[in-house]
């Protein structure tokens, strides 16, 4: 699969903060501040995640998973998919210059 095809297949992805806000906070009527207090983290941490300026770390994924009673891999996978999408697009030119190993 070419680099361009790979990048197009991966995008679009949403930052985990967008998912957190739209699918979890908004329906539950929770603010970033309220969630931060429940997770025992600073409000700025949650606000920066929601704004897409901070990634979901393993620590945050574990806290979110515990609070929402889910698997932490969900949050880590969202972050990984977002990062892969963003970085693969920015690396298209470089990756196009790398020739795959031919085993024949």
PDB file of N, CA and C in Angstrom:
ATOM      1  N   UNK A   1       0.856  -1.173   0.000  1.00  0.00           N
ATOM      2  CA  UNK A   1       0.000   0.000   0.000  1.00  0.00           C
ATOM      3  C   UNK A   1       0.897   1.229   0.000  1.00  0.00           C
ATOM      4  N   UNK A   2       0.607   2.185  -0.865  1.00  0.00           N
ATOM      5  CA  UNK A   2       1.401   3.400  -0.936  1.00  0.00           C
ATOM      6  C   UNK A   2       1.178   4.289   0.271  1.00  0.00           C
ATOM      7  N   UNK A   3       2.100   5.191   0.479  1.00  0.00           N
ATOM      8  CA  UNK A   3       2.020   6.101   1.621  1.00  0.00           C
ATOM      9  C   UNK A   3       0.752   6.938   1.553  1.00  0.00           C
ATOM     10  N   UNK A   4       0.433   7.432   0.367  1.00  0.00           N
ATOM     11  CA  UNK A   4      -0.752   8.268   0.210  1.00  0.00           C
ATOM     12  C   UNK A   4      -2.008   7.473   0.571  1.00  0.00           C
ATOM     13  N   UNK A   5      -2.073   6.250   0.081  1.00  0.00           N
ATOM     14  CA  UNK A   5      -3.238   5.405   0.375  1.00  0.00           C
ATOM     15  C   UNK A   5      -3.318   5.106   1.867  1.00  0.00           C
ATOM     16  N   UNK A   6      -2.157   4.875   2.481  1.00  0.00           N
ATOM     17  CA  UNK A   6      -2.133   4.597   3.907  1.00  0.00           C
ATOM     18  C   UNK A   6      -2.651   5.804   4.693  1.00  0.00           C
ATOM     19  N   UNK A   7      -2.192   6.984   4.359  1.00  0.00           N
ATOM     20  CA  UNK A   7      -2.617   8.191   5.068  1.00  0.00           C
ATOM     21  C   UNK A   7      -4.105   8.439   4.867  1.00  0.00           C
ATOM     22  N   UNK A   8      -4.594   8.229   3.661  1.00  0.00           N
ATOM     23  CA  UNK A   8      -6.015   8.467   3.395  1.00  0.00           C
ATOM     24  C   UNK A   8      -6.881   7.444   4.113  1.00  0.00           C
ATOM     25  N   UNK A   9      -6.374   6.229   4.275  1.00  0.00           N
ATOM     26  CA  UNK A   9      -7.130   5.189   4.955  1.00  0.00           C
ATOM     27  C   UNK A   9      -7.235   5.495   6.450  1.00  0.00           C
ATOM     28  N   UNK A  10      -6.223   6.109   7.009  1.00  0.00           N
ATOM     29  CA  UNK A  10      -6.165   6.358   8.439  1.00  0.00           C
ATOM     30  C   UNK A  10      -7.011   7.559   8.846  1.00  0.00           C
ATOM     31  N   UNK A  11      -7.072   8.585   8.035  1.00  0.00           N
ATOM     32  CA  UNK A  11      -7.807   9.801   8.410  1.00  0.00           C
ATOM     33  C   UNK A  11      -9.251   9.714   7.970  1.00  0.00           C
ATOM     34  N   UNK A  12     -10.173  10.436   8.482  1.00  0.00           N
ATOM     35  CA  UNK A  12      -9.958  11.376   9.579  1.00  0.00           C
ATOM     36  C   UNK A  12     -10.107  10.699  10.930  1.00  0.00           C
ATOM     37  N   UNK A  13      -9.398  11.207  11.877  1.00  0.00           N
ATOM     38  CA  UNK A  13      -9.517  10.773  13.266  1.00  0.00           C
ATOM     39  C   UNK A  13      -9.729  11.993  14.126  1.00  0.00           C
ATOM     40  N   UNK A  14     -10.386  11.791  15.215  1.00  0.00           N
ATOM     41  CA  UNK A  14     -10.636  12.873  16.142  1.00  0.00           C
ATOM     42  C   UNK A  14      -9.701  12.739  17.332  1.00  0.00           C
ATOM     43  N   UNK A  15      -9.288  13.861  17.855  1.00  0.00           N
ATOM     44  CA  UNK A  15      -8.480  13.843  19.066  1.00  0.00           C
ATOM     45  C   UNK A  15      -9.325  13.224  20.173  1.00  0.00           C
ATOM     46  N   UNK A  16      -8.719  12.431  21.048  1.00  0.00           N
ATOM     47  CA  UNK A  16      -9.483  11.816  22.130  1.00  0.00           C
ATOM     48  C   UNK A  16     -10.237  12.836  22.993  1.00  0.00           C
ATOM     49  N   UNK A  17      -9.717  14.044  23.067  1.00  0.00           N
ATOM     50  CA  UNK A  17     -10.402  15.080  23.830  1.00  0.00           C
ATOM     51  C   UNK A  17     -11.752  15.449  23.243  1.00  0.00           C
ATOM     52  N   UNK A  18     -11.828  15.439  21.915  1.00  0.00           N
ATOM     53  CA  UNK A  18     -13.117  15.703  21.257  1.00  0.00           C
ATOM     54  C   UNK A  18     -14.108  14.597  21.578  1.00  0.00           C
ATOM     55  N   UNK A  19     -13.627  13.364  21.563  1.00  0.00           N
ATOM     56  CA  UNK A  19     -14.473  12.214  21.884  1.00  0.00           C
ATOM     57  C   UNK A  19     -14.915  12.287  23.347  1.00  0.00           C
ATOM     58  N   UNK A  20     -13.983  12.605  24.216  1.00  0.00           N
ATOM     59  CA  UNK A  20     -14.296  12.736  25.633  1.00  0.00           C
ATOM     60  C   UNK A  20     -15.409  13.746  25.859  1.00  0.00           C
ATOM     61  N   UNK A  21     -15.273  14.888  25.233  1.00  0.00           N
ATOM     62  CA  UNK A  21     -16.274  15.932  25.427  1.00  0.00           C
ATOM     63  C   UNK A  21     -17.631  15.567  24.813  1.00  0.00           C
ATOM     64  N   UNK A  22     -17.611  15.133  23.549  1.00  0.00           N
ATOM     65  CA  UNK A  22     -18.863  14.883  22.832  1.00  0.00           C
ATOM     66  C   UNK A  22     -19.608  13.636  23.308  1.00  0.00           C
ATOM     67  N   UNK A  23     -18.883  12.565  23.591  1.00  0.00           N
ATOM     68  CA  UNK A  23     -19.537  11.293  23.917  1.00  0.00           C
ATOM     69  C   UNK A  23     -19.699  11.026  25.407  1.00  0.00           C
ATOM     70  N   UNK A  24     -18.929  11.726  26.221  1.00  0.00           N
ATOM     71  CA  UNK A  24     -18.952  11.404  27.645  1.00  0.00           C
ATOM     72  C   UNK A  24     -19.320  12.594  28.524  1.00  0.00           C
ATOM     73  N   UNK A  25     -18.632  13.701  28.377  1.00  0.00           N
ATOM     74  CA  UNK A  25     -18.907  14.833  29.258  1.00  0.00           C
ATOM     75  C   UNK A  25     -20.260  15.478  28.966  1.00  0.00           C
ATOM     76  N   UNK A  26     -20.473  15.821  27.706  1.00  0.00           N
ATOM     77  CA  UNK A  26     -21.707  16.509  27.340  1.00  0.00           C
ATOM     78  C   UNK A  26     -22.951  15.705  27.719  1.00  0.00           C
ATOM     79  N   UNK A  27     -23.044  14.418  27.323  1.00  0.00           N
ATOM     80  CA  UNK A  27     -24.243  13.643  27.686  1.00  0.00           C
ATOM     81  C   UNK A  27     -24.435  13.492  29.201  1.00  0.00           C
ATOM     82  N   UNK A  28     -23.323  13.458  29.951  1.00  0.00           N
ATOM     83  CA  UNK A  28     -23.424  13.294  31.404  1.00  0.00           C
ATOM     84  C   UNK A  28     -23.632  14.628  32.123  1.00  0.00           C
ATOM     85  N   UNK A  29     -23.554  15.728  31.380  1.00  0.00           N
ATOM     86  CA  UNK A  29     -23.694  17.042  31.993  1.00  0.00           C
ATOM     87  C   UNK A  29     -22.521  17.410  32.877  1.00  0.00           C
ATOM     88  N   UNK A  30     -21.339  16.871  32.557  1.00  0.00           N
ATOM     89  CA  UNK A  30     -20.134  17.139  33.344  1.00  0.00           C
ATOM     90  C   UNK A  30     -19.283  18.214  32.686  1.00  0.00           C
ATOM     91  N   UNK A  31     -18.718  19.070  33.483  1.00  0.00           N
ATOM     92  CA  UNK A  31     -17.749  20.047  32.980  1.00  0.00           C
ATOM     93  C   UNK A  31     -16.352  19.446  33.086  1.00  0.00           C
ATOM     94  N   UNK A  32     -15.403  20.073  32.422  1.00  0.00           N
ATOM     95  CA  UNK A  32     -14.008  19.642  32.525  1.00  0.00           C
ATOM     96  C   UNK A  32     -13.551  19.742  33.978  1.00  0.00           C
ATOM     97  N   UNK A  33     -13.967  20.799  34.644  1.00  0.00           N
ATOM     98  CA  UNK A  33     -13.593  20.998  36.047  1.00  0.00           C
ATOM     99  C   UNK A  33     -14.141  19.870  36.926  1.00  0.00           C
ATOM    100  N   UNK A  34     -15.400  19.521  36.734  1.00  0.00           N
ATOM    101  CA  UNK A  34     -16.014  18.452  37.529  1.00  0.00           C
ATOM    102  C   UNK A  34     -15.320  17.113  37.286  1.00  0.00           C
ATOM    103  N   UNK A  35     -15.018  16.819  36.020  1.00  0.00           N
ATOM    104  CA  UNK A  35     -14.319  15.577  35.711  1.00  0.00           C
ATOM    105  C   UNK A  35     -12.931  15.561  36.348  1.00  0.00           C
ATOM    106  N   UNK A  36     -12.235  16.673  36.254  1.00  0.00           N
ATOM    107  CA  UNK A  36     -10.895  16.760  36.831  1.00  0.00           C
ATOM    108  C   UNK A  36     -10.917  16.469  38.328  1.00  0.00           C
ATOM    109  N   UNK A  37     -11.888  17.007  39.007  1.00  0.00           N
ATOM    110  CA  UNK A  37     -12.004  16.769  40.455  1.00  0.00           C
ATOM    111  C   UNK A  37     -12.252  15.289  40.737  1.00  0.00           C
ATOM    112  N   UNK A  38     -13.098  14.668  39.923  1.00  0.00           N
ATOM    113  CA  UNK A  38     -13.410  13.250  40.122  1.00  0.00           C
ATOM    114  C   UNK A  38     -12.217  12.346  39.790  1.00  0.00           C
ATOM    115  N   UNK A  39     -11.367  12.796  38.866  1.00  0.00           N
ATOM    116  CA  UNK A  39     -10.193  12.011  38.470  1.00  0.00           C
ATOM    117  C   UNK A  39      -8.962  12.343  39.311  1.00  0.00           C
ATOM    118  N   UNK A  40      -9.061  13.360  40.161  1.00  0.00           N
ATOM    119  CA  UNK A  40      -7.939  13.817  40.989  1.00  0.00           C
ATOM    120  C   UNK A  40      -6.779  14.322  40.136  1.00  0.00           C
ATOM    121  N   UNK A  41      -7.127  15.122  39.134  1.00  0.00           N
ATOM    122  CA  UNK A  41      -6.116  15.778  38.289  1.00  0.00           C
ATOM    123  C   UNK A  41      -6.464  17.266  38.214  1.00  0.00           C
ATOM    124  N   UNK A  42      -5.549  18.044  37.676  1.00  0.00           N
ATOM    125  CA  UNK A  42      -5.813  19.476  37.560  1.00  0.00           C
ATOM    126  C   UNK A  42      -6.843  19.735  36.457  1.00  0.00           C
ATOM    127  N   UNK A  43      -7.687  20.736  36.654  1.00  0.00           N
ATOM    128  CA  UNK A  43      -8.649  21.086  35.603  1.00  0.00           C
ATOM    129  C   UNK A  43      -7.969  21.449  34.287  1.00  0.00           C
ATOM    130  N   UNK A  44      -6.807  22.078  34.364  1.00  0.00           N
ATOM    131  CA  UNK A  44      -6.117  22.459  33.119  1.00  0.00           C
ATOM    132  C   UNK A  44      -5.724  21.234  32.307  1.00  0.00           C
ATOM    133  N   UNK A  45      -5.434  20.144  32.970  1.00  0.00           N
ATOM    134  CA  UNK A  45      -5.097  18.900  32.261  1.00  0.00           C
ATOM    135  C   UNK A  45      -6.271  18.440  31.402  1.00  0.00           C
ATOM    136  N   UNK A  46      -7.453  18.393  31.976  1.00  0.00           N
ATOM    137  CA  UNK A  46      -8.639  17.958  31.230  1.00  0.00           C
ATOM    138  C   UNK A  46      -8.984  18.988  30.157  1.00  0.00           C
ATOM    139  N   UNK A  47      -8.903  20.260  30.494  1.00  0.00           N
ATOM    140  CA  UNK A  47      -9.198  21.320  29.519  1.00  0.00           C
ATOM    141  C   UNK A  47      -8.265  21.237  28.310  1.00  0.00           C
ATOM    142  N   UNK A  48      -6.970  20.979  28.555  1.00  0.00           N
ATOM    143  CA  UNK A  48      -6.004  20.873  27.451  1.00  0.00           C
ATOM    144  C   UNK A  48      -6.242  19.616  26.615  1.00  0.00           C
ATOM    145  N   UNK A  49      -6.670  18.532  27.242  1.00  0.00           N
ATOM    146  CA  UNK A  49      -7.009  17.317  26.482  1.00  0.00           C
ATOM    147  C   UNK A  49      -8.217  17.598  25.601  1.00  0.00           C
ATOM    148  N   UNK A  50      -9.239  18.200  26.162  1.00  0.00           N
ATOM    149  CA  UNK A  50     -10.450  18.512  25.398  1.00  0.00           C
ATOM    150  C   UNK A  50     -10.132  19.447  24.235  1.00  0.00           C
ATOM    151  N   UNK A  51      -9.217  20.390  24.451  1.00  0.00           N
ATOM    152  CA  UNK A  51      -8.840  21.346  23.403  1.00  0.00           C
ATOM    153  C   UNK A  51      -7.896  20.726  22.366  1.00  0.00           C
ATOM    154  N   UNK A  52      -7.449  19.482  22.605  1.00  0.00           N
ATOM    155  CA  UNK A  52      -6.551  18.825  21.655  1.00  0.00           C
ATOM    156  C   UNK A  52      -5.107  19.264  21.788  1.00  0.00           C
ATOM    157  N   UNK A  53      -4.765  19.904  22.897  1.00  0.00           N
ATOM    158  CA  UNK A  53      -3.398  20.387  23.096  1.00  0.00           C
ATOM    159  C   UNK A  53      -2.554  19.449  23.944  1.00  0.00           C
ATOM    160  N   UNK A  54      -3.181  18.436  24.499  1.00  0.00           N
ATOM    161  CA  UNK A  54      -2.479  17.484  25.349  1.00  0.00           C
ATOM    162  C   UNK A  54      -2.955  16.081  24.994  1.00  0.00           C
ATOM    163  N   UNK A  55      -2.035  15.132  24.882  1.00  0.00           N
ATOM    164  CA  UNK A  55      -2.462  13.761  24.564  1.00  0.00           C
ATOM    165  C   UNK A  55      -3.021  13.053  25.796  1.00  0.00           C
ATOM    166  N   UNK A  56      -3.755  11.991  25.551  1.00  0.00           N
ATOM    167  CA  UNK A  56      -4.204  11.124  26.627  1.00  0.00           C
ATOM    168  C   UNK A  56      -3.042  10.190  26.948  1.00  0.00           C
ATOM    169  N   UNK A  57      -2.506  10.323  28.137  1.00  0.00           N
ATOM    170  CA  UNK A  57      -1.401   9.483  28.592  1.00  0.00           C
ATOM    171  C   UNK A  57      -1.946   8.200  29.208  1.00  0.00           C
ATOM    172  N   UNK A  58      -1.054   7.292  29.536  1.00  0.00           N
ATOM    173  CA  UNK A  58      -1.471   6.057  30.196  1.00  0.00           C
ATOM    174  C   UNK A  58      -2.140   6.381  31.528  1.00  0.00           C
ATOM    175  N   UNK A  59      -1.565   7.317  32.264  1.00  0.00           N
ATOM    176  CA  UNK A  59      -2.143   7.740  33.540  1.00  0.00           C
ATOM    177  C   UNK A  59      -3.578   8.236  33.353  1.00  0.00           C
ATOM    178  N   UNK A  60      -3.779   9.099  32.382  1.00  0.00           N
ATOM    179  CA  UNK A  60      -5.110   9.647  32.129  1.00  0.00           C
ATOM    180  C   UNK A  60      -6.055   8.557  31.634  1.00  0.00           C
ATOM    181  N   UNK A  61      -5.575   7.686  30.762  1.00  0.00           N
ATOM    182  CA  UNK A  61      -6.409   6.593  30.244  1.00  0.00           C
ATOM    183  C   UNK A  61      -6.900   5.701  31.381  1.00  0.00           C
ATOM    184  N   UNK A  62      -6.028   5.412  32.330  1.00  0.00           N
ATOM    185  CA  UNK A  62      -6.425   4.582  33.469  1.00  0.00           C
ATOM    186  C   UNK A  62      -7.482   5.282  34.317  1.00  0.00           C
ATOM    187  N   UNK A  63      -7.323   6.570  34.517  1.00  0.00           N
ATOM    188  CA  UNK A  63      -8.297   7.326  35.313  1.00  0.00           C
ATOM    189  C   UNK A  63      -9.651   7.405  34.599  1.00  0.00           C
ATOM    190  N   UNK A  64      -9.614   7.723  33.299  1.00  0.00           N
ATOM    191  CA  UNK A  64     -10.862   7.809  32.528  1.00  0.00           C
ATOM    192  C   UNK A  64     -11.569   6.458  32.491  1.00  0.00           C
ATOM    193  N   UNK A  65     -10.789   5.404  32.290  1.00  0.00           N
ATOM    194  CA  UNK A  65     -11.369   4.061  32.223  1.00  0.00           C
ATOM    195  C   UNK A  65     -12.018   3.676  33.546  1.00  0.00           C
ATOM    196  N   UNK A  66     -11.366   4.001  34.619  1.00  0.00           N
ATOM    197  CA  UNK A  66     -11.929   3.686  35.940  1.00  0.00           C
ATOM    198  C   UNK A  66     -13.227   4.464  36.172  1.00  0.00           C
ATOM    199  N   UNK A  67     -13.198   5.749  35.859  1.00  0.00           N
ATOM    200  CA  UNK A  67     -14.366   6.589  36.092  1.00  0.00           C
ATOM    201  C   UNK A  67     -15.551   6.179  35.216  1.00  0.00           C
ATOM    202  N   UNK A  68     -15.294   5.919  33.924  1.00  0.00           N
ATOM    203  CA  UNK A  68     -16.377   5.577  33.005  1.00  0.00           C
ATOM    204  C   UNK A  68     -16.616   4.069  32.914  1.00  0.00           C
ATOM    205  N   UNK A  69     -15.924   3.288  33.744  1.00  0.00           N
ATOM    206  CA  UNK A  69     -16.073   1.832  33.806  1.00  0.00           C
ATOM    207  C   UNK A  69     -15.867   1.185  32.442  1.00  0.00           C
ATOM    208  N   UNK A  70     -14.675   1.385  31.913  1.00  0.00           N
ATOM    209  CA  UNK A  70     -14.344   0.846  30.599  1.00  0.00           C
ATOM    210  C   UNK A  70     -12.881   0.438  30.547  1.00  0.00           C
ATOM    211  N   UNK A  71     -12.463  -0.072  29.418  1.00  0.00           N
ATOM    212  CA  UNK A  71     -11.093  -0.513  29.204  1.00  0.00           C
ATOM    213  C   UNK A  71     -10.190   0.680  28.888  1.00  0.00           C
ATOM    214  N   UNK A  72      -9.049   0.824  29.555  1.00  0.00           N
ATOM    215  CA  UNK A  72      -8.143   1.935  29.258  1.00  0.00           C
ATOM    216  C   UNK A  72      -7.592   1.887  27.836  1.00  0.00           C
ATOM    217  N   UNK A  73      -7.582   0.694  27.238  1.00  0.00           N
ATOM    218  CA  UNK A  73      -7.093   0.581  25.862  1.00  0.00           C
ATOM    219  C   UNK A  73      -7.922   1.425  24.897  1.00  0.00           C
ATOM    220  N   UNK A  74      -9.175   1.638  25.209  1.00  0.00           N
ATOM    221  CA  UNK A  74     -10.038   2.469  24.369  1.00  0.00           C
ATOM    222  C   UNK A  74      -9.425   3.855  24.207  1.00  0.00           C
ATOM    223  N   UNK A  75      -9.054   4.478  25.316  1.00  0.00           N
ATOM    224  CA  UNK A  75      -8.501   5.831  25.277  1.00  0.00           C
ATOM    225  C   UNK A  75      -7.122   5.854  24.628  1.00  0.00           C
ATOM    226  N   UNK A  76      -6.320   4.843  24.922  1.00  0.00           N
ATOM    227  CA  UNK A  76      -4.981   4.783  24.321  1.00  0.00           C
ATOM    228  C   UNK A  76      -5.061   4.543  22.815  1.00  0.00           C
ATOM    229  N   UNK A  77      -6.022   3.725  22.391  1.00  0.00           N
ATOM    230  CA  UNK A  77      -6.186   3.468  20.956  1.00  0.00           C
ATOM    231  C   UNK A  77      -6.649   4.731  20.235  1.00  0.00           C
ATOM    232  N   UNK A  78      -7.555   5.486  20.846  1.00  0.00           N
ATOM    233  CA  UNK A  78      -7.965   6.756  20.239  1.00  0.00           C
ATOM    234  C   UNK A  78      -6.762   7.668  20.046  1.00  0.00           C
ATOM    235  N   UNK A  79      -5.909   7.746  21.074  1.00  0.00           N
ATOM    236  CA  UNK A  79      -4.726   8.612  20.981  1.00  0.00           C
ATOM    237  C   UNK A  79      -3.756   8.092  19.931  1.00  0.00           C
ATOM    238  N   UNK A  80      -3.540   6.799  19.910  1.00  0.00           N
ATOM    239  CA  UNK A  80      -2.621   6.214  18.941  1.00  0.00           C
ATOM    240  C   UNK A  80      -3.122   6.412  17.515  1.00  0.00           C
ATOM    241  N   UNK A  81      -4.401   6.211  17.286  1.00  0.00           N
ATOM    242  CA  UNK A  81      -4.966   6.421  15.949  1.00  0.00           C
ATOM    243  C   UNK A  81      -4.825   7.878  15.523  1.00  0.00           C
ATOM    244  N   UNK A  82      -5.078   8.788  16.442  1.00  0.00           N
ATOM    245  CA  UNK A  82      -4.954  10.209  16.140  1.00  0.00           C
ATOM    246  C   UNK A  82      -3.507  10.555  15.788  1.00  0.00           C
ATOM    247  N   UNK A  83      -2.558  10.083  16.594  1.00  0.00           N
ATOM    248  CA  UNK A  83      -1.145  10.360  16.350  1.00  0.00           C
ATOM    249  C   UNK A  83      -0.673   9.761  15.031  1.00  0.00           C
ATOM    250  N   UNK A  84      -1.055   8.520  14.774  1.00  0.00           N
ATOM    251  CA  UNK A  84      -0.653   7.854  13.536  1.00  0.00           C
ATOM    252  C   UNK A  84      -1.177   8.605  12.320  1.00  0.00           C
ATOM    253  N   UNK A  85      -2.410   9.026  12.387  1.00  0.00           N
ATOM    254  CA  UNK A  85      -3.012   9.765  11.282  1.00  0.00           C
ATOM    255  C   UNK A  85      -2.277  11.075  11.025  1.00  0.00           C
ATOM    256  N   UNK A  86      -2.079  11.845  12.076  1.00  0.00           N
ATOM    257  CA  UNK A  86      -1.448  13.160  11.969  1.00  0.00           C
ATOM    258  C   UNK A  86      -0.005  13.051  11.489  1.00  0.00           C
ATOM    259  N   UNK A  87       0.745  12.135  12.059  1.00  0.00           N
ATOM    260  CA  UNK A  87       2.159  12.021  11.731  1.00  0.00           C
ATOM    261  C   UNK A  87       2.355  11.389  10.358  1.00  0.00           C
ATOM    262  N   UNK A  88       1.527  10.427   9.979  1.00  0.00           N
ATOM    263  CA  UNK A  88       1.695   9.804   8.654  1.00  0.00           C
ATOM    264  C   UNK A  88       1.459  10.822   7.544  1.00  0.00           C
ATOM    265  N   UNK A  89       0.549  11.745   7.764  1.00  0.00           N
ATOM    266  CA  UNK A  89       0.315  12.792   6.770  1.00  0.00           C
ATOM    267  C   UNK A  89       1.529  13.709   6.676  1.00  0.00           C
ATOM    268  N   UNK A  90       2.083  14.086   7.816  1.00  0.00           N
ATOM    269  CA  UNK A  90       3.230  14.990   7.789  1.00  0.00           C
ATOM    270  C   UNK A  90       4.490  14.309   7.238  1.00  0.00           C
ATOM    271  N   UNK A  91       4.530  12.991   7.263  1.00  0.00           N
ATOM    272  CA  UNK A  91       5.703  12.251   6.782  1.00  0.00           C
ATOM    273  C   UNK A  91       5.533  11.682   5.379  1.00  0.00           C
ATOM    274  N   UNK A  92       4.452  12.010   4.693  1.00  0.00           N
ATOM    275  CA  UNK A  92       4.177  11.413   3.377  1.00  0.00           C
ATOM    276  C   UNK A  92       5.373  11.478   2.438  1.00  0.00           C
ATOM    277  N   UNK A  93       5.983  12.628   2.318  1.00  0.00           N
ATOM    278  CA  UNK A  93       7.102  12.802   1.383  1.00  0.00           C
ATOM    279  C   UNK A  93       8.282  11.921   1.775  1.00  0.00           C
ATOM    280  N   UNK A  94       8.612  11.905   3.041  1.00  0.00           N
ATOM    281  CA  UNK A  94       9.737  11.096   3.516  1.00  0.00           C
ATOM    282  C   UNK A  94       9.454   9.616   3.311  1.00  0.00           C
ATOM    283  N   UNK A  95       8.257   9.184   3.692  1.00  0.00           N
ATOM    284  CA  UNK A  95       7.922   7.770   3.559  1.00  0.00           C
ATOM    285  C   UNK A  95       7.862   7.321   2.101  1.00  0.00           C
ATOM    286  N   UNK A  96       7.482   8.212   1.213  1.00  0.00           N
ATOM    287  CA  UNK A  96       7.421   7.867  -0.208  1.00  0.00           C
ATOM    288  C   UNK A  96       8.808   7.573  -0.764  1.00  0.00           C
ATOM    289  N   UNK A  97       9.841   8.122  -0.155  1.00  0.00           N
ATOM    290  CA  UNK A  97      11.216   7.895  -0.615  1.00  0.00           C
ATOM    291  C   UNK A  97      11.812   6.594  -0.096  1.00  0.00           C
ATOM    292  N   UNK A  98      11.154   5.962   0.863  1.00  0.00           N
ATOM    293  CA  UNK A  98      11.649   4.701   1.415  1.00  0.00           C
ATOM    294  C   UNK A  98      11.074   3.555   0.586  1.00  0.00           C
ATOM    295  N   UNK A  99      11.957   2.768   0.019  1.00  0.00           N
ATOM    296  CA  UNK A  99      11.545   1.626  -0.802  1.00  0.00           C
ATOM    297  C   UNK A  99      11.414   0.380   0.070  1.00  0.00           C
ATOM    298  N   UNK A 100      10.294  -0.320  -0.031  1.00  0.00           N
ATOM    299  CA  UNK A 100      10.114  -1.547   0.740  1.00  0.00           C
ATOM    300  C   UNK A 100      11.134  -2.610   0.339  1.00  0.00           C
ATOM    301  N   UNK A 101      11.504  -3.444   1.278  1.00  0.00           N
ATOM    302  CA  UNK A 101      12.409  -4.550   1.036  1.00  0.00           C
ATOM    303  C   UNK A 101      11.717  -5.556   0.136  1.00  0.00           C
ATOM    304  N   UNK A 102      12.400  -5.992  -0.887  1.00  0.00           N
ATOM    305  CA  UNK A 102      11.869  -6.979  -1.818  1.00  0.00           C
ATOM    306  C   UNK A 102      12.473  -8.337  -1.458  1.00  0.00           C
ATOM    307  N   UNK A 103      11.625  -9.257  -1.025  1.00  0.00           N
ATOM    308  CA  UNK A 103      12.097 -10.570  -0.569  1.00  0.00           C
ATOM    309  C   UNK A 103      12.280 -11.575  -1.701  1.00  0.00           C
ATOM    310  N   UNK A 104      11.919 -11.223  -2.943  1.00  0.00           N
ATOM    311  CA  UNK A 104      12.047 -12.219  -4.017  1.00  0.00           C
ATOM    312  C   UNK A 104      13.410 -12.285  -4.609  1.00  0.00           C
TER     313      UNK A 104
END
